[in-house]
Protein backbone atom coordinates (compact mmCIF):
# COMPACT_ATOMS: atom_id res chain seq x y z
CA UNK A 1 62.38 13.02 -64.74
CA UNK A 2 60.75 10.30 -62.69
CA UNK A 3 60.76 9.71 -58.97
CA UNK A 4 62.26 6.39 -57.94
CA UNK A 5 60.98 4.05 -55.22
CA UNK A 6 62.70 1.05 -53.78
CA UNK A 7 60.36 -1.82 -53.01
CA UNK A 8 60.77 -4.84 -50.80
CA UNK A 9 62.92 -6.68 -53.35
CA UNK A 10 65.21 -3.67 -53.93
CA UNK A 11 63.98 -3.16 -57.47
CA UNK A 12 63.83 0.33 -58.87
CA UNK A 13 60.44 1.61 -59.95
CA UNK A 14 60.13 4.81 -61.91
CA UNK A 15 56.97 6.70 -61.10
CA UNK A 16 55.77 8.83 -64.01
CA UNK A 17 54.40 12.21 -62.99
CA UNK A 18 53.03 13.71 -66.17
CA UNK A 19 49.45 15.00 -65.95
CA UNK A 20 48.06 12.03 -67.86
CA UNK A 21 49.61 9.61 -65.38
CA UNK A 22 48.25 11.57 -62.43
CA UNK A 23 44.81 11.54 -64.05
CA UNK A 24 44.99 7.76 -64.54
CA UNK A 25 45.99 7.31 -60.89
CA UNK A 26 43.08 9.49 -59.74
CA UNK A 27 40.75 7.44 -61.94
CA UNK A 28 42.06 4.24 -60.33
CA UNK A 29 41.49 5.78 -56.87
CA UNK A 30 37.92 6.69 -57.86
CA UNK A 31 37.28 3.16 -59.17
CA UNK A 32 38.65 1.63 -55.94
CA UNK A 33 36.42 3.88 -53.82
CA UNK A 34 33.32 3.13 -55.88
CA UNK A 35 34.14 -0.59 -55.82
CA UNK A 36 34.22 -0.40 -52.00
CA UNK A 37 30.68 1.03 -52.03
CA UNK A 38 29.49 -1.38 -54.71
CA UNK A 39 30.75 -4.40 -52.77
CA UNK A 40 28.83 -3.22 -49.70
CA UNK A 41 25.75 -2.67 -51.86
CA UNK A 42 25.94 -6.13 -53.48
CA UNK A 43 26.69 -7.96 -50.22
CA UNK A 44 23.78 -6.09 -48.65
CA UNK A 45 21.51 -7.19 -51.51
CA UNK A 46 22.55 -10.82 -51.09
CA UNK A 47 22.32 -10.96 -47.29
CA UNK A 48 19.39 -8.62 -46.70
CA UNK A 49 16.95 -9.86 -49.31
CA UNK A 50 17.23 -7.04 -51.81
CA UNK A 51 19.02 -3.89 -52.81
CA UNK A 52 19.09 -0.91 -50.49
CA UNK A 53 19.92 2.57 -51.68
CA UNK A 54 23.21 3.82 -53.01
CA UNK A 55 24.35 7.38 -53.50
CA UNK A 56 27.61 8.68 -54.87
CA UNK A 57 29.40 8.17 -51.54
CA UNK A 58 27.27 5.88 -49.36
CA UNK A 59 25.62 2.48 -49.71
CA UNK A 60 22.71 1.87 -47.32
CA UNK A 61 21.38 -1.63 -46.81
CA UNK A 62 17.77 -2.64 -47.04
CA UNK A 63 16.07 -2.88 -43.66
CA UNK A 64 15.47 -5.12 -41.84
CA UNK A 65 18.78 -6.91 -42.34
CA UNK A 66 19.73 -9.99 -40.34
CA UNK A 67 23.50 -9.67 -40.90
CA UNK A 68 24.37 -5.93 -40.90
CA UNK A 69 27.83 -6.53 -39.41
CA UNK A 70 28.90 -8.66 -42.36
CA UNK A 71 27.59 -6.03 -44.78
CA UNK A 72 29.54 -3.32 -42.94
CA UNK A 73 32.69 -5.47 -42.87
CA UNK A 74 32.54 -6.25 -46.59
CA UNK A 75 33.65 -2.77 -47.72
CA UNK A 76 36.79 -2.50 -45.57
CA UNK A 77 37.68 -6.13 -46.27
CA UNK A 78 37.52 -5.41 -49.98
CA UNK A 79 39.58 -2.23 -49.60
CA UNK A 80 42.28 -3.96 -47.58
CA UNK A 81 42.28 -6.91 -49.98
CA UNK A 82 43.07 -4.48 -52.82
CA UNK A 83 46.05 -3.17 -50.86
CA UNK A 84 47.24 -6.68 -50.01
CA UNK A 85 46.83 -7.71 -53.65
CA UNK A 86 49.07 -4.76 -54.52
CA UNK A 87 51.61 -6.06 -51.97
CA UNK A 88 51.44 -9.45 -53.66
CA UNK A 89 52.03 -7.86 -57.07
CA UNK A 90 55.19 -6.19 -55.75
CA UNK A 91 56.89 -9.58 -56.04
CA UNK A 92 57.05 -9.10 -59.79
CA UNK A 93 59.09 -6.23 -61.25
CA UNK A 94 56.77 -6.26 -64.26
CA UNK A 95 53.76 -5.20 -62.14
CA UNK A 96 55.54 -3.10 -59.51
CA UNK A 97 54.26 0.27 -60.74
CA UNK A 98 50.66 -0.94 -60.89
CA UNK A 99 51.15 -2.57 -57.47
CA UNK A 100 52.19 0.73 -55.89
CA UNK A 101 49.31 2.51 -57.62
CA UNK A 102 46.83 -0.08 -56.33
CA UNK A 103 48.16 0.09 -52.78
CA UNK A 104 47.84 3.87 -52.65
CA UNK A 105 44.63 4.11 -54.71
CA UNK A 106 42.82 1.73 -52.36
CA UNK A 107 43.25 4.32 -49.57
CA UNK A 108 43.48 1.49 -47.03
CA UNK A 109 46.27 3.40 -45.30
CA UNK A 110 43.97 6.43 -44.85
CA UNK A 111 40.90 4.70 -43.39
CA UNK A 112 41.70 6.09 -39.94
CA UNK A 113 40.93 9.65 -41.10
CA UNK A 114 37.23 8.84 -41.56
CA UNK A 115 37.18 7.35 -38.09
CA UNK A 116 38.72 10.46 -36.54
CA UNK A 117 36.14 12.63 -38.30
CA UNK A 118 33.26 10.56 -36.90
CA UNK A 119 32.46 8.33 -39.88
CA UNK A 120 33.61 5.20 -41.63
CA UNK A 121 32.82 1.54 -41.34
CA UNK A 122 35.40 0.94 -38.61
CA UNK A 123 33.69 3.37 -36.22
CA UNK A 124 30.27 1.86 -36.99
CA UNK A 125 31.61 -1.59 -36.15
CA UNK A 126 33.28 -0.31 -32.96
CA UNK A 127 29.99 1.23 -31.85
CA UNK A 128 28.22 -2.10 -32.40
CA UNK A 129 30.90 -4.19 -30.66
CA UNK A 130 31.86 -2.10 -27.62
CA UNK A 131 30.15 0.05 -25.03
CA UNK A 132 32.38 3.15 -25.25
CA UNK A 133 34.15 3.32 -28.59
CA UNK A 134 36.59 6.18 -28.82
CA UNK A 135 37.36 7.60 -32.26
CA UNK A 136 41.03 7.96 -31.46
CA UNK A 137 41.33 4.40 -30.12
CA UNK A 138 39.59 2.94 -33.17
CA UNK A 139 41.79 5.04 -35.48
CA UNK A 140 44.98 4.01 -33.64
CA UNK A 141 44.37 0.24 -33.83
CA UNK A 142 45.91 -0.16 -37.33
CA UNK A 143 49.03 1.69 -36.17
CA UNK A 144 49.81 -1.02 -33.63
CA UNK A 145 49.00 -4.04 -35.79
CA UNK A 146 51.99 -6.13 -36.88
CA UNK A 147 53.08 -5.67 -40.44
CA UNK A 148 55.32 -7.71 -42.72
CA UNK A 149 56.89 -4.57 -44.14
CA UNK A 150 58.07 -2.91 -40.91
CA UNK A 151 61.79 -2.33 -40.85
CA UNK A 152 62.16 -2.54 -44.62
């Protein structure tokens, strides 16, 4: 048995749910998360004159850095670009299953949880850009952004 999703083009996509498929999805999610950190690390190396430090979950830029906002933005931009690339792939029935996996494995739709818990790049940027950033306001911003898929 496979669960069935209907995508934007009304094509049926069977989602396999055997343990091997779940393991592959979790591996893709891990790769997406590590790629987010690696992009921040590499952009930091390019813009800040050298590599900073990188642990399993956090990439810290080398100090002093003249463009820390761009380094901080690079991770979320990469994460959201993975999700949007998955949306683009949904146009083809051949890649629909991988597209759904990429959208969900990027965790772009869950970035607000880090903000609510007091972490994440979005909260760091809000603290740099505004005087009184509220976690709940920063987390709610994506909920009110226009989307091409609303109403589908």
